[in-house]
N, C-alpha and C. Protein backbone atom coordinates (compact mmCIF):
# COMPACT_ATOMS: atom_id res chain seq x y z
N MET A 1 -4.83 337.72 86.88
CA MET A 1 -4.52 336.48 86.18
C MET A 1 -5.82 335.83 85.74
N ILE A 2 -5.84 335.34 84.57
CA ILE A 2 -7.03 334.65 84.07
C ILE A 2 -7.15 333.34 84.82
N GLY A 3 -8.31 333.11 85.36
CA GLY A 3 -8.53 331.97 86.23
C GLY A 3 -8.78 330.68 85.50
N MET A 4 -9.89 330.07 85.81
CA MET A 4 -10.22 328.75 85.33
C MET A 4 -10.77 328.78 83.92
N ALA A 5 -10.72 329.90 83.29
CA ALA A 5 -11.35 330.03 81.97
C ALA A 5 -10.82 329.02 80.97
N ASP A 6 -9.52 328.80 80.98
CA ASP A 6 -8.98 327.85 80.01
C ASP A 6 -9.59 326.47 80.21
N ARG A 7 -9.72 326.06 81.44
CA ARG A 7 -10.33 324.77 81.73
C ARG A 7 -11.76 324.77 81.26
N ASP A 8 -12.48 325.88 81.48
CA ASP A 8 -13.89 325.94 81.13
C ASP A 8 -14.12 325.99 79.64
N LYS A 9 -13.11 326.28 78.86
CA LYS A 9 -13.26 326.30 77.41
C LYS A 9 -13.11 324.90 76.81
N LEU A 10 -12.63 323.97 77.62
CA LEU A 10 -12.46 322.62 77.11
C LEU A 10 -13.82 322.02 76.80
N PRO A 11 -13.89 321.18 75.78
CA PRO A 11 -15.17 320.53 75.46
C PRO A 11 -15.71 319.79 76.68
N GLY A 12 -16.97 320.02 76.95
CA GLY A 12 -17.60 319.33 78.06
C GLY A 12 -17.32 319.92 79.42
N ARG A 13 -16.56 321.00 79.50
CA ARG A 13 -16.22 321.60 80.77
C ARG A 13 -16.91 322.93 80.92
N ARG A 14 -17.25 323.23 82.12
CA ARG A 14 -17.81 324.53 82.46
C ARG A 14 -17.63 324.68 83.95
N SER A 15 -17.62 325.88 84.40
CA SER A 15 -17.53 326.12 85.83
C SER A 15 -18.54 325.25 86.56
N HIS A 16 -18.17 324.79 87.75
CA HIS A 16 -19.08 323.95 88.50
C HIS A 16 -20.36 324.69 88.86
N HIS A 17 -20.42 325.99 88.63
CA HIS A 17 -21.61 326.77 88.91
C HIS A 17 -22.66 326.62 87.80
N HIS A 18 -22.31 325.99 86.71
CA HIS A 18 -23.24 325.85 85.59
C HIS A 18 -23.43 324.39 85.25
N HIS A 19 -24.65 323.96 85.22
CA HIS A 19 -24.89 322.59 84.77
C HIS A 19 -25.25 322.58 83.29
N SER A 20 -25.38 323.75 82.68
CA SER A 20 -25.73 323.82 81.26
C SER A 20 -24.50 324.06 80.40
N GLY A 21 -23.31 323.83 80.93
CA GLY A 21 -22.08 324.13 80.21
C GLY A 21 -21.96 323.45 78.87
N SER A 22 -22.32 322.17 78.78
CA SER A 22 -22.20 321.49 77.50
C SER A 22 -23.17 322.09 76.49
N ASP A 23 -24.34 322.52 76.96
CA ASP A 23 -25.28 323.20 76.05
C ASP A 23 -24.66 324.48 75.51
N ASP A 24 -24.01 325.25 76.40
CA ASP A 24 -23.34 326.48 75.97
C ASP A 24 -22.26 326.18 74.93
N HIS A 25 -21.51 325.13 75.20
CA HIS A 25 -20.42 324.76 74.29
C HIS A 25 -20.97 324.34 72.93
N ILE A 26 -22.04 323.58 72.95
CA ILE A 26 -22.65 323.13 71.69
C ILE A 26 -23.20 324.32 70.91
N GLU A 27 -23.84 325.25 71.60
CA GLU A 27 -24.36 326.44 70.91
C GLU A 27 -23.23 327.25 70.30
N TYR A 28 -22.13 327.38 71.02
CA TYR A 28 -20.96 328.09 70.50
C TYR A 28 -20.43 327.38 69.24
N MET A 29 -20.27 326.06 69.33
CA MET A 29 -19.78 325.29 68.18
C MET A 29 -20.76 325.39 67.02
N SER A 30 -22.04 325.35 67.33
CA SER A 30 -23.06 325.42 66.29
C SER A 30 -22.96 326.73 65.52
N ARG A 31 -22.78 327.82 66.25
CA ARG A 31 -22.65 329.13 65.59
C ARG A 31 -21.38 329.20 64.75
N LYS A 32 -20.28 328.71 65.30
CA LYS A 32 -18.99 328.82 64.61
C LYS A 32 -18.87 327.84 63.45
N LEU A 33 -19.48 326.66 63.58
CA LEU A 33 -19.32 325.60 62.57
C LEU A 33 -20.58 325.33 61.76
N ASN A 34 -21.64 326.03 62.09
CA ASN A 34 -22.91 325.85 61.38
C ASN A 34 -23.35 324.38 61.43
N LEU A 35 -23.41 323.83 62.65
CA LEU A 35 -23.79 322.43 62.81
C LEU A 35 -25.25 322.20 62.45
N THR A 36 -25.51 321.05 61.89
CA THR A 36 -26.89 320.64 61.64
C THR A 36 -27.48 320.13 62.96
N PRO A 37 -28.79 320.01 63.06
CA PRO A 37 -29.38 319.44 64.28
C PRO A 37 -28.83 318.05 64.61
N ALA A 38 -28.63 317.22 63.60
CA ALA A 38 -28.08 315.88 63.85
C ALA A 38 -26.66 315.96 64.39
N GLN A 39 -25.85 316.88 63.86
CA GLN A 39 -24.50 317.05 64.36
C GLN A 39 -24.51 317.55 65.80
N LYS A 40 -25.40 318.49 66.10
CA LYS A 40 -25.51 318.98 67.47
C LYS A 40 -25.85 317.84 68.42
N ASP A 41 -26.77 316.98 68.03
CA ASP A 41 -27.13 315.83 68.87
C ASP A 41 -25.93 314.91 69.08
N SER A 42 -25.17 314.67 68.02
CA SER A 42 -23.99 313.81 68.12
C SER A 42 -22.93 314.42 69.04
N VAL A 43 -22.69 315.70 68.88
CA VAL A 43 -21.71 316.38 69.74
C VAL A 43 -22.16 316.32 71.20
N GLN A 44 -23.45 316.56 71.44
CA GLN A 44 -23.99 316.49 72.80
C GLN A 44 -23.74 315.10 73.40
N ALA A 45 -24.00 314.06 72.64
CA ALA A 45 -23.79 312.69 73.12
C ALA A 45 -22.31 312.44 73.44
N ILE A 46 -21.43 312.94 72.61
CA ILE A 46 -19.99 312.77 72.85
C ILE A 46 -19.59 313.47 74.14
N LEU A 47 -20.02 314.71 74.30
CA LEU A 47 -19.68 315.46 75.52
C LEU A 47 -20.22 314.78 76.77
N GLU A 48 -21.44 314.29 76.70
CA GLU A 48 -22.03 313.59 77.85
C GLU A 48 -21.29 312.30 78.16
N ARG A 49 -20.86 311.59 77.12
CA ARG A 49 -20.16 310.32 77.32
C ARG A 49 -18.82 310.53 78.03
N TYR A 50 -18.12 311.62 77.71
CA TYR A 50 -16.80 311.85 78.28
C TYR A 50 -16.80 312.73 79.52
N LYS A 51 -17.93 313.30 79.87
CA LYS A 51 -17.98 314.19 81.03
C LYS A 51 -17.49 313.53 82.32
N PRO A 52 -17.91 312.30 82.65
CA PRO A 52 -17.39 311.70 83.89
C PRO A 52 -15.85 311.59 83.91
N ALA A 53 -15.25 311.22 82.80
CA ALA A 53 -13.79 311.12 82.74
C ALA A 53 -13.14 312.49 82.89
N MET A 54 -13.71 313.49 82.23
CA MET A 54 -13.16 314.85 82.34
C MET A 54 -13.28 315.37 83.77
N ASP A 55 -14.43 315.12 84.39
CA ASP A 55 -14.63 315.55 85.77
C ASP A 55 -13.64 314.86 86.71
N SER A 56 -13.41 313.59 86.49
CA SER A 56 -12.47 312.85 87.32
C SER A 56 -11.06 313.42 87.22
N ILE A 57 -10.65 313.69 86.00
CA ILE A 57 -9.32 314.28 85.79
C ILE A 57 -9.24 315.65 86.45
N TRP A 58 -10.30 316.44 86.27
CA TRP A 58 -10.26 317.79 86.84
C TRP A 58 -10.24 317.77 88.37
N ARG A 59 -10.93 316.81 88.99
CA ARG A 59 -10.88 316.71 90.46
C ARG A 59 -9.45 316.46 90.92
N GLN A 60 -8.67 315.75 90.13
CA GLN A 60 -7.28 315.48 90.49
C GLN A 60 -6.38 316.68 90.22
N LEU A 61 -6.60 317.34 89.10
CA LEU A 61 -5.70 318.42 88.69
C LEU A 61 -6.14 319.81 89.15
N GLY A 62 -7.41 319.98 89.41
CA GLY A 62 -7.94 321.29 89.76
C GLY A 62 -7.23 321.98 90.91
N PRO A 63 -7.03 321.30 92.03
CA PRO A 63 -6.34 321.96 93.14
C PRO A 63 -4.92 322.41 92.79
N ARG A 64 -4.21 321.59 92.03
CA ARG A 64 -2.86 321.98 91.60
C ARG A 64 -2.91 323.19 90.70
N PHE A 65 -3.89 323.21 89.77
CA PHE A 65 -4.06 324.34 88.87
C PHE A 65 -4.33 325.61 89.67
N GLU A 66 -5.22 325.52 90.65
CA GLU A 66 -5.55 326.69 91.47
C GLU A 66 -4.33 327.22 92.21
N THR A 67 -3.51 326.33 92.74
CA THR A 67 -2.31 326.74 93.46
C THR A 67 -1.36 327.49 92.54
N ILE A 68 -1.13 326.95 91.35
CA ILE A 68 -0.24 327.61 90.39
C ILE A 68 -0.84 328.94 89.94
N LYS A 69 -2.13 328.96 89.67
CA LYS A 69 -2.80 330.21 89.26
C LYS A 69 -2.63 331.28 90.33
N ASP A 70 -2.83 330.92 91.60
CA ASP A 70 -2.68 331.87 92.69
C ASP A 70 -1.24 332.35 92.82
N THR A 71 -0.28 331.46 92.65
CA THR A 71 1.13 331.84 92.72
C THR A 71 1.47 332.85 91.62
N ILE A 72 1.03 332.57 90.41
CA ILE A 72 1.28 333.48 89.28
C ILE A 72 0.64 334.83 89.54
N SER A 73 -0.61 334.82 89.98
CA SER A 73 -1.33 336.06 90.26
C SER A 73 -0.61 336.89 91.32
N ASN A 74 -0.15 336.23 92.38
CA ASN A 74 0.58 336.94 93.45
C ASN A 74 1.89 337.52 92.94
N GLU A 75 2.59 336.78 92.10
CA GLU A 75 3.85 337.31 91.55
C GLU A 75 3.58 338.50 90.64
N ILE A 76 2.53 338.43 89.84
CA ILE A 76 2.18 339.57 88.98
C ILE A 76 1.82 340.77 89.86
N ARG A 77 1.01 340.54 90.87
CA ARG A 77 0.58 341.62 91.77
C ARG A 77 1.77 342.37 92.37
N ARG A 78 2.83 341.63 92.71
CA ARG A 78 4.03 342.27 93.30
C ARG A 78 4.76 343.18 92.31
N GLN A 79 4.49 343.05 91.03
CA GLN A 79 5.11 343.90 90.02
C GLN A 79 4.34 345.20 89.80
N LEU A 80 3.17 345.30 90.41
CA LEU A 80 2.27 346.42 90.15
C LEU A 80 2.31 347.47 91.26
N THR A 81 1.98 348.68 90.89
CA THR A 81 1.83 349.74 91.89
C THR A 81 0.56 349.48 92.69
N PRO A 82 0.40 350.12 93.85
CA PRO A 82 -0.84 349.92 94.62
C PRO A 82 -2.10 350.23 93.80
N GLU A 83 -2.06 351.27 92.99
CA GLU A 83 -3.20 351.61 92.15
C GLU A 83 -3.45 350.51 91.12
N GLN A 84 -2.40 350.01 90.50
CA GLN A 84 -2.53 348.93 89.53
C GLN A 84 -3.03 347.65 90.20
N GLN A 85 -2.59 347.40 91.42
CA GLN A 85 -3.05 346.22 92.15
C GLN A 85 -4.55 346.26 92.36
N LYS A 86 -5.09 347.42 92.71
CA LYS A 86 -6.54 347.56 92.88
C LYS A 86 -7.25 347.28 91.56
N ALA A 87 -6.73 347.85 90.48
CA ALA A 87 -7.34 347.63 89.16
C ALA A 87 -7.23 346.16 88.76
N TYR A 88 -6.12 345.54 89.06
CA TYR A 88 -5.90 344.12 88.75
C TYR A 88 -6.90 343.25 89.52
N THR A 89 -7.07 343.55 90.80
CA THR A 89 -8.02 342.80 91.61
C THR A 89 -9.43 342.93 91.03
N GLU A 90 -9.81 344.14 90.64
CA GLU A 90 -11.13 344.37 90.05
C GLU A 90 -11.25 343.65 88.70
N MET A 91 -10.19 343.67 87.91
CA MET A 91 -10.20 342.98 86.62
C MET A 91 -10.43 341.49 86.81
N ILE A 92 -9.75 340.90 87.77
CA ILE A 92 -9.90 339.47 88.06
C ILE A 92 -11.32 339.19 88.55
N ARG A 93 -11.83 340.04 89.44
CA ARG A 93 -13.18 339.85 89.96
C ARG A 93 -14.21 339.86 88.84
N ARG A 94 -14.10 340.84 87.93
CA ARG A 94 -15.04 340.92 86.81
C ARG A 94 -14.91 339.72 85.89
N PHE A 95 -13.67 339.31 85.63
CA PHE A 95 -13.45 338.16 84.77
C PHE A 95 -14.10 336.91 85.38
N GLU A 96 -13.89 336.70 86.68
CA GLU A 96 -14.45 335.51 87.34
C GLU A 96 -15.98 335.56 87.32
N GLU A 97 -16.56 336.73 87.53
CA GLU A 97 -18.02 336.86 87.46
C GLU A 97 -18.52 336.52 86.06
N GLU A 98 -17.83 337.03 85.06
CA GLU A 98 -18.21 336.78 83.69
C GLU A 98 -18.10 335.28 83.36
N ARG A 99 -17.05 334.68 83.82
CA ARG A 99 -16.80 333.27 83.57
C ARG A 99 -17.89 332.41 84.19
N ARG A 100 -18.29 332.76 85.40
CA ARG A 100 -19.32 331.99 86.08
C ARG A 100 -20.71 332.25 85.52
N GLY A 101 -20.93 333.42 84.99
CA GLY A 101 -22.24 333.76 84.46
C GLY A 101 -23.18 334.16 85.56
N PRO A 102 -24.44 334.38 85.21
CA PRO A 102 -25.42 334.81 86.22
C PRO A 102 -25.66 333.73 87.25
N PRO A 103 -25.97 334.13 88.50
CA PRO A 103 -26.26 333.13 89.53
C PRO A 103 -27.48 332.31 89.14
N GLU A 104 -27.45 331.06 89.55
CA GLU A 104 -28.57 330.15 89.24
C GLU A 104 -29.62 330.23 90.32
């Protein structure tokens, strides 16, 4: 099951393992939208301004999200053969590593 990736794709959000998440998001937007330096600065300011509110919301919803994610993953796992379950576990592990990025 895809983990916290959807949350981490939200503007201003990134795994708690990265403090450079908004920079990553701005660089992604810059590539996709061809932002000017002034636009990049404005987007950065917007993300920084709303980060405390987003973090507050996520602290409230995060545990519920994790519970539902785990329930879905367990239900999917029960549909798989033992060999598929091993592959699924490895797929999730790789996805989570990729999502978190290199250790800091």
